[in-house]
Amino acid sequence: YLYNEHEETEEEKEKKKKTIESLEKSIIKRKELLNNQNFVQKAPENLVAEEKRKLKEEEETLKKLTI
């Protein structure tokens, strides 16, 4: 038990759960969008790159929350 660790309150657990659910939904939507060849081919390159960046960021955040 480390000094700065604390037991998560029910409120914190609920907030974390909602954040995880939100991230999971967003990741699914971004993956679907990026798997859509029509979008990838026709959308501006910077928009596609931004979606990829956001996807990676959300996946990393989700990984940290679920450890």
PDB file of N, CA and C in Angstrom:
ATOM      1  N   TYR A   1       0.849  -1.188   0.000  1.00  0.00           N
ATOM      2  CA  TYR A   1       0.000   0.000   0.000  1.00  0.00           C
ATOM      3  C   TYR A   1       0.883   1.236   0.000  1.00  0.00           C
ATOM      4  N   LEU A   2       0.855   1.969  -1.095  1.00  0.00           N
ATOM      5  CA  LEU A   2       1.691   3.159  -1.205  1.00  0.00           C
ATOM      6  C   LEU A   2       1.038   4.344  -0.508  1.00  0.00           C
ATOM      7  N   TYR A   3       1.852   5.265  -0.089  1.00  0.00           N
ATOM      8  CA  TYR A   3       1.379   6.432   0.661  1.00  0.00           C
ATOM      9  C   TYR A   3       0.325   7.244  -0.091  1.00  0.00           C
ATOM     10  N   ASN A   4       0.562   7.500  -1.385  1.00  0.00           N
ATOM     11  CA  ASN A   4      -0.337   8.372  -2.128  1.00  0.00           C
ATOM     12  C   ASN A   4      -1.531   7.637  -2.757  1.00  0.00           C
ATOM     13  N   GLU A   5      -1.603   6.333  -2.590  1.00  0.00           N
ATOM     14  CA  GLU A   5      -2.747   5.596  -3.106  1.00  0.00           C
ATOM     15  C   GLU A   5      -3.943   5.797  -2.187  1.00  0.00           C
ATOM     16  N   HIS A   6      -5.113   5.754  -2.794  1.00  0.00           N
ATOM     17  CA  HIS A   6      -6.312   5.799  -1.969  1.00  0.00           C
ATOM     18  C   HIS A   6      -7.368   4.888  -2.580  1.00  0.00           C
ATOM     19  N   GLU A   7      -8.281   4.491  -1.757  1.00  0.00           N
ATOM     20  CA  GLU A   7      -9.371   3.635  -2.202  1.00  0.00           C
ATOM     21  C   GLU A   7     -10.293   4.486  -3.066  1.00  0.00           C
ATOM     22  N   GLU A   8     -10.687   3.958  -4.218  1.00  0.00           N
ATOM     23  CA  GLU A   8     -11.618   4.684  -5.076  1.00  0.00           C
ATOM     24  C   GLU A   8     -12.996   4.733  -4.422  1.00  0.00           C
ATOM     25  N   THR A   9     -13.584   5.915  -4.440  1.00  0.00           N
ATOM     26  CA  THR A   9     -14.943   6.037  -3.907  1.00  0.00           C
ATOM     27  C   THR A   9     -15.917   5.514  -4.964  1.00  0.00           C
ATOM     28  N   GLU A  10     -17.147   5.269  -4.562  1.00  0.00           N
ATOM     29  CA  GLU A  10     -18.165   4.804  -5.515  1.00  0.00           C
ATOM     30  C   GLU A  10     -18.350   5.833  -6.627  1.00  0.00           C
ATOM     31  N   GLU A  11     -18.302   7.113  -6.273  1.00  0.00           N
ATOM     32  CA  GLU A  11     -18.453   8.185  -7.255  1.00  0.00           C
ATOM     33  C   GLU A  11     -17.321   8.139  -8.277  1.00  0.00           C
ATOM     34  N   GLU A  12     -16.109   7.928  -7.802  1.00  0.00           N
ATOM     35  CA  GLU A  12     -14.955   7.845  -8.712  1.00  0.00           C
ATOM     36  C   GLU A  12     -15.054   6.621  -9.606  1.00  0.00           C
ATOM     37  N   LYS A  13     -15.489   5.501  -9.025  1.00  0.00           N
ATOM     38  CA  LYS A  13     -15.652   4.273  -9.815  1.00  0.00           C
ATOM     39  C   LYS A  13     -16.695   4.462 -10.907  1.00  0.00           C
ATOM     40  N   GLU A  14     -17.798   5.116 -10.574  1.00  0.00           N
ATOM     41  CA  GLU A  14     -18.874   5.348 -11.543  1.00  0.00           C
ATOM     42  C   GLU A  14     -18.399   6.288 -12.656  1.00  0.00           C
ATOM     43  N   LYS A  15     -17.684   7.330 -12.280  1.00  0.00           N
ATOM     44  CA  LYS A  15     -17.159   8.281 -13.269  1.00  0.00           C
ATOM     45  C   LYS A  15     -16.179   7.574 -14.215  1.00  0.00           C
ATOM     46  N   LYS A  16     -15.313   6.749 -13.645  1.00  0.00           N
ATOM     47  CA  LYS A  16     -14.333   5.998 -14.432  1.00  0.00           C
ATOM     48  C   LYS A  16     -15.053   5.045 -15.387  1.00  0.00           C
ATOM     49  N   LYS A  17     -16.081   4.363 -14.889  1.00  0.00           N
ATOM     50  CA  LYS A  17     -16.848   3.437 -15.706  1.00  0.00           C
ATOM     51  C   LYS A  17     -17.493   4.162 -16.895  1.00  0.00           C
ATOM     52  N   LYS A  18     -18.076   5.327 -16.639  1.00  0.00           N
ATOM     53  CA  LYS A  18     -18.712   6.104 -17.705  1.00  0.00           C
ATOM     54  C   LYS A  18     -17.682   6.590 -18.721  1.00  0.00           C
ATOM     55  N   THR A  19     -16.525   6.985 -18.239  1.00  0.00           N
ATOM     56  CA  THR A  19     -15.454   7.430 -19.133  1.00  0.00           C
ATOM     57  C   THR A  19     -15.004   6.279 -20.024  1.00  0.00           C
ATOM     58  N   ILE A  20     -14.839   5.099 -19.446  1.00  0.00           N
ATOM     59  CA  ILE A  20     -14.426   3.912 -20.210  1.00  0.00           C
ATOM     60  C   ILE A  20     -15.472   3.578 -21.270  1.00  0.00           C
ATOM     61  N   GLU A  21     -16.751   3.591 -20.891  1.00  0.00           N
ATOM     62  CA  GLU A  21     -17.821   3.291 -21.841  1.00  0.00           C
ATOM     63  C   GLU A  21     -17.835   4.300 -22.986  1.00  0.00           C
ATOM     64  N   SER A  22     -17.666   5.558 -22.657  1.00  0.00           N
ATOM     65  CA  SER A  22     -17.649   6.621 -23.660  1.00  0.00           C
ATOM     66  C   SER A  22     -16.473   6.436 -24.625  1.00  0.00           C
ATOM     67  N   LEU A  23     -15.302   6.133 -24.072  1.00  0.00           N
ATOM     68  CA  LEU A  23     -14.115   5.905 -24.899  1.00  0.00           C
ATOM     69  C   LEU A  23     -14.311   4.709 -25.826  1.00  0.00           C
ATOM     70  N   GLU A  24     -14.886   3.629 -25.281  1.00  0.00           N
ATOM     71  CA  GLU A  24     -15.094   2.425 -26.094  1.00  0.00           C
ATOM     72  C   GLU A  24     -16.017   2.720 -27.280  1.00  0.00           C
ATOM     73  N   LYS A  25     -17.085   3.473 -27.043  1.00  0.00           N
ATOM     74  CA  LYS A  25     -18.017   3.833 -28.121  1.00  0.00           C
ATOM     75  C   LYS A  25     -17.328   4.703 -29.163  1.00  0.00           C
ATOM     76  N   SER A  26     -16.563   5.675 -28.694  1.00  0.00           N
ATOM     77  CA  SER A  26     -15.869   6.586 -29.598  1.00  0.00           C
ATOM     78  C   SER A  26     -14.835   5.834 -30.443  1.00  0.00           C
ATOM     79  N   ILE A  27     -14.117   4.911 -29.826  1.00  0.00           N
ATOM     80  CA  ILE A  27     -13.108   4.116 -30.539  1.00  0.00           C
ATOM     81  C   ILE A  27     -13.773   3.285 -31.631  1.00  0.00           C
ATOM     82  N   ILE A  28     -14.905   2.671 -31.320  1.00  0.00           N
ATOM     83  CA  ILE A  28     -15.622   1.873 -32.315  1.00  0.00           C
ATOM     84  C   ILE A  28     -16.034   2.748 -33.498  1.00  0.00           C
ATOM     85  N   LYS A  29     -16.584   3.939 -33.211  1.00  0.00           N
ATOM     86  CA  LYS A  29     -17.011   4.849 -34.284  1.00  0.00           C
ATOM     87  C   LYS A  29     -15.828   5.282 -35.148  1.00  0.00           C
ATOM     88  N   ARG A  30     -14.709   5.630 -34.499  1.00  0.00           N
ATOM     89  CA  ARG A  30     -13.531   6.061 -35.269  1.00  0.00           C
ATOM     90  C   ARG A  30     -12.993   4.926 -36.140  1.00  0.00           C
ATOM     91  N   LYS A  31     -12.967   3.699 -35.592  1.00  0.00           N
ATOM     92  CA  LYS A  31     -12.480   2.560 -36.372  1.00  0.00           C
ATOM     93  C   LYS A  31     -13.378   2.308 -37.575  1.00  0.00           C
ATOM     94  N   GLU A  32     -14.696   2.402 -37.363  1.00  0.00           N
ATOM     95  CA  GLU A  32     -15.628   2.219 -38.473  1.00  0.00           C
ATOM     96  C   GLU A  32     -15.399   3.286 -39.541  1.00  0.00           C
ATOM     97  N   LEU A  33     -15.217   4.518 -39.104  1.00  0.00           N
ATOM     98  CA  LEU A  33     -14.980   5.617 -40.039  1.00  0.00           C
ATOM     99  C   LEU A  33     -13.690   5.387 -40.824  1.00  0.00           C
ATOM    100  N   LEU A  34     -12.631   5.006 -40.119  1.00  0.00           N
ATOM    101  CA  LEU A  34     -11.339   4.804 -40.770  1.00  0.00           C
ATOM    102  C   LEU A  34     -11.308   3.530 -41.623  1.00  0.00           C
ATOM    103  N   ASN A  35     -12.216   2.597 -41.364  1.00  0.00           N
ATOM    104  CA  ASN A  35     -12.318   1.398 -42.200  1.00  0.00           C
ATOM    105  C   ASN A  35     -13.185   1.637 -43.426  1.00  0.00           C
ATOM    106  N   ASN A  36     -13.839   2.788 -43.484  1.00  0.00           N
ATOM    107  CA  ASN A  36     -14.675   3.146 -44.620  1.00  0.00           C
ATOM    108  C   ASN A  36     -13.765   3.727 -45.711  1.00  0.00           C
ATOM    109  N   GLN A  37     -13.524   2.936 -46.738  1.00  0.00           N
ATOM    110  CA  GLN A  37     -12.610   3.361 -47.803  1.00  0.00           C
ATOM    111  C   GLN A  37     -13.096   4.625 -48.502  1.00  0.00           C
ATOM    112  N   ASN A  38     -14.393   4.789 -48.598  1.00  0.00           N
ATOM    113  CA  ASN A  38     -14.963   5.982 -49.211  1.00  0.00           C
ATOM    114  C   ASN A  38     -14.524   7.229 -48.442  1.00  0.00           C
ATOM    115  N   PHE A  39     -14.610   7.161 -47.111  1.00  0.00           N
ATOM    116  CA  PHE A  39     -14.174   8.285 -46.278  1.00  0.00           C
ATOM    117  C   PHE A  39     -12.675   8.511 -46.432  1.00  0.00           C
ATOM    118  N   VAL A  40     -11.906   7.446 -46.288  1.00  0.00           N
ATOM    119  CA  VAL A  40     -10.441   7.559 -46.322  1.00  0.00           C
ATOM    120  C   VAL A  40      -9.960   8.136 -47.662  1.00  0.00           C
ATOM    121  N   GLN A  41     -10.601   7.727 -48.758  1.00  0.00           N
ATOM    122  CA  GLN A  41     -10.170   8.191 -50.086  1.00  0.00           C
ATOM    123  C   GLN A  41     -10.642   9.607 -50.406  1.00  0.00           C
ATOM    124  N   LYS A  42     -11.817   9.983 -49.895  1.00  0.00           N
ATOM    125  CA  LYS A  42     -12.394  11.267 -50.299  1.00  0.00           C
ATOM    126  C   LYS A  42     -12.207  12.397 -49.288  1.00  0.00           C
ATOM    127  N   ALA A  43     -11.996  12.055 -48.033  1.00  0.00           N
ATOM    128  CA  ALA A  43     -11.831  13.097 -47.012  1.00  0.00           C
ATOM    129  C   ALA A  43     -10.455  13.747 -47.139  1.00  0.00           C
ATOM    130  N   PRO A  44     -10.352  15.010 -46.737  1.00  0.00           N
ATOM    131  CA  PRO A  44      -9.031  15.667 -46.759  1.00  0.00           C
ATOM    132  C   PRO A  44      -8.038  14.869 -45.905  1.00  0.00           C
ATOM    133  N   GLU A  45      -6.814  14.806 -46.368  1.00  0.00           N
ATOM    134  CA  GLU A  45      -5.778  14.015 -45.696  1.00  0.00           C
ATOM    135  C   GLU A  45      -5.601  14.414 -44.225  1.00  0.00           C
ATOM    136  N   ASN A  46      -5.680  15.728 -43.954  1.00  0.00           N
ATOM    137  CA  ASN A  46      -5.495  16.182 -42.575  1.00  0.00           C
ATOM    138  C   ASN A  46      -6.637  15.701 -41.667  1.00  0.00           C
ATOM    139  N   LEU A  47      -7.848  15.557 -42.193  1.00  0.00           N
ATOM    140  CA  LEU A  47      -8.974  15.055 -41.412  1.00  0.00           C
ATOM    141  C   LEU A  47      -8.777  13.581 -41.075  1.00  0.00           C
ATOM    142  N   VAL A  48      -8.328  12.803 -42.042  1.00  0.00           N
ATOM    143  CA  VAL A  48      -8.061  11.373 -41.821  1.00  0.00           C
ATOM    144  C   VAL A  48      -6.946  11.229 -40.783  1.00  0.00           C
ATOM    145  N   ALA A  49      -5.897  12.027 -40.913  1.00  0.00           N
ATOM    146  CA  ALA A  49      -4.775  11.979 -39.966  1.00  0.00           C
ATOM    147  C   ALA A  49      -5.244  12.350 -38.562  1.00  0.00           C
ATOM    148  N   GLU A  50      -6.125  13.337 -38.463  1.00  0.00           N
ATOM    149  CA  GLU A  50      -6.645  13.764 -37.159  1.00  0.00           C
ATOM    150  C   GLU A  50      -7.475  12.643 -36.528  1.00  0.00           C
ATOM    151  N   GLU A  51      -8.278  11.947 -37.307  1.00  0.00           N
ATOM    152  CA  GLU A  51      -9.076  10.829 -36.791  1.00  0.00           C
ATOM    153  C   GLU A  51      -8.155   9.707 -36.286  1.00  0.00           C
ATOM    154  N   LYS A  52      -7.090   9.436 -37.019  1.00  0.00           N
ATOM    155  CA  LYS A  52      -6.131   8.408 -36.592  1.00  0.00           C
ATOM    156  C   LYS A  52      -5.446   8.807 -35.299  1.00  0.00           C
ATOM    157  N   ARG A  53      -5.096  10.092 -35.196  1.00  0.00           N
ATOM    158  CA  ARG A  53      -4.436  10.596 -33.991  1.00  0.00           C
ATOM    159  C   ARG A  53      -5.370  10.478 -32.787  1.00  0.00           C
ATOM    160  N   LYS A  54      -6.627  10.884 -32.970  1.00  0.00           N
ATOM    161  CA  LYS A  54      -7.604  10.816 -31.875  1.00  0.00           C
ATOM    162  C   LYS A  54      -7.854   9.364 -31.465  1.00  0.00           C
ATOM    163  N   LEU A  55      -7.915   8.475 -32.442  1.00  0.00           N
ATOM    164  CA  LEU A  55      -8.124   7.055 -32.154  1.00  0.00           C
ATOM    165  C   LEU A  55      -6.989   6.527 -31.282  1.00  0.00           C
ATOM    166  N   LYS A  56      -5.765   6.818 -31.668  1.00  0.00           N
ATOM    167  CA  LYS A  56      -4.605   6.351 -30.915  1.00  0.00           C
ATOM    168  C   LYS A  56      -4.625   6.915 -29.493  1.00  0.00           C
ATOM    169  N   GLU A  57      -4.955   8.188 -29.377  1.00  0.00           N
ATOM    170  CA  GLU A  57      -5.009   8.855 -28.078  1.00  0.00           C
ATOM    171  C   GLU A  57      -6.082   8.206 -27.184  1.00  0.00           C
ATOM    172  N   GLU A  58      -7.250   7.948 -27.760  1.00  0.00           N
ATOM    173  CA  GLU A  58      -8.331   7.327 -26.991  1.00  0.00           C
ATOM    174  C   GLU A  58      -7.973   5.902 -26.576  1.00  0.00           C
ATOM    175  N   GLU A  59      -7.335   5.167 -27.458  1.00  0.00           N
ATOM    176  CA  GLU A  59      -6.926   3.797 -27.116  1.00  0.00           C
ATOM    177  C   GLU A  59      -5.915   3.800 -25.972  1.00  0.00           C
ATOM    178  N   GLU A  60      -4.988   4.756 -25.989  1.00  0.00           N
ATOM    179  CA  GLU A  60      -3.990   4.854 -24.918  1.00  0.00           C
ATOM    180  C   GLU A  60      -4.648   5.239 -23.591  1.00  0.00           C
ATOM    181  N   THR A  61      -5.597   6.166 -23.638  1.00  0.00           N
ATOM    182  CA  THR A  61      -6.311   6.583 -22.432  1.00  0.00           C
ATOM    183  C   THR A  61      -7.101   5.422 -21.864  1.00  0.00           C
ATOM    184  N   LEU A  62      -7.784   4.683 -22.740  1.00  0.00           N
ATOM    185  CA  LEU A  62      -8.564   3.536 -22.320  1.00  0.00           C
ATOM    186  C   LEU A  62      -7.681   2.467 -21.661  1.00  0.00           C
ATOM    187  N   LYS A  63      -6.520   2.247 -22.266  1.00  0.00           N
ATOM    188  CA  LYS A  63      -5.582   1.260 -21.724  1.00  0.00           C
ATOM    189  C   LYS A  63      -5.163   1.649 -20.301  1.00  0.00           C
ATOM    190  N   LYS A  64      -4.882   2.928 -20.071  1.00  0.00           N
ATOM    191  CA  LYS A  64      -4.472   3.393 -18.749  1.00  0.00           C
ATOM    192  C   LYS A  64      -5.607   3.221 -17.727  1.00  0.00           C
ATOM    193  N   LEU A  65      -6.840   3.455 -18.166  1.00  0.00           N
ATOM    194  CA  LEU A  65      -7.974   3.379 -17.249  1.00  0.00           C
ATOM    195  C   LEU A  65      -8.346   1.943 -16.885  1.00  0.00           C
ATOM    196  N   THR A  66      -8.010   1.012 -17.752  1.00  0.00           N
ATOM    197  CA  THR A  66      -8.425  -0.369 -17.530  1.00  0.00           C
ATOM    198  C   THR A  66      -7.321  -1.244 -16.940  1.00  0.00           C
ATOM    199  N   ILE A  67      -6.198  -0.653 -16.598  1.00  0.00           N
ATOM    200  CA  ILE A  67      -5.094  -1.417 -15.995  1.00  0.00           C
ATOM    201  C   ILE A  67      -5.438  -1.735 -14.561  1.00  0.00           C
TER     202      ILE A  67
END
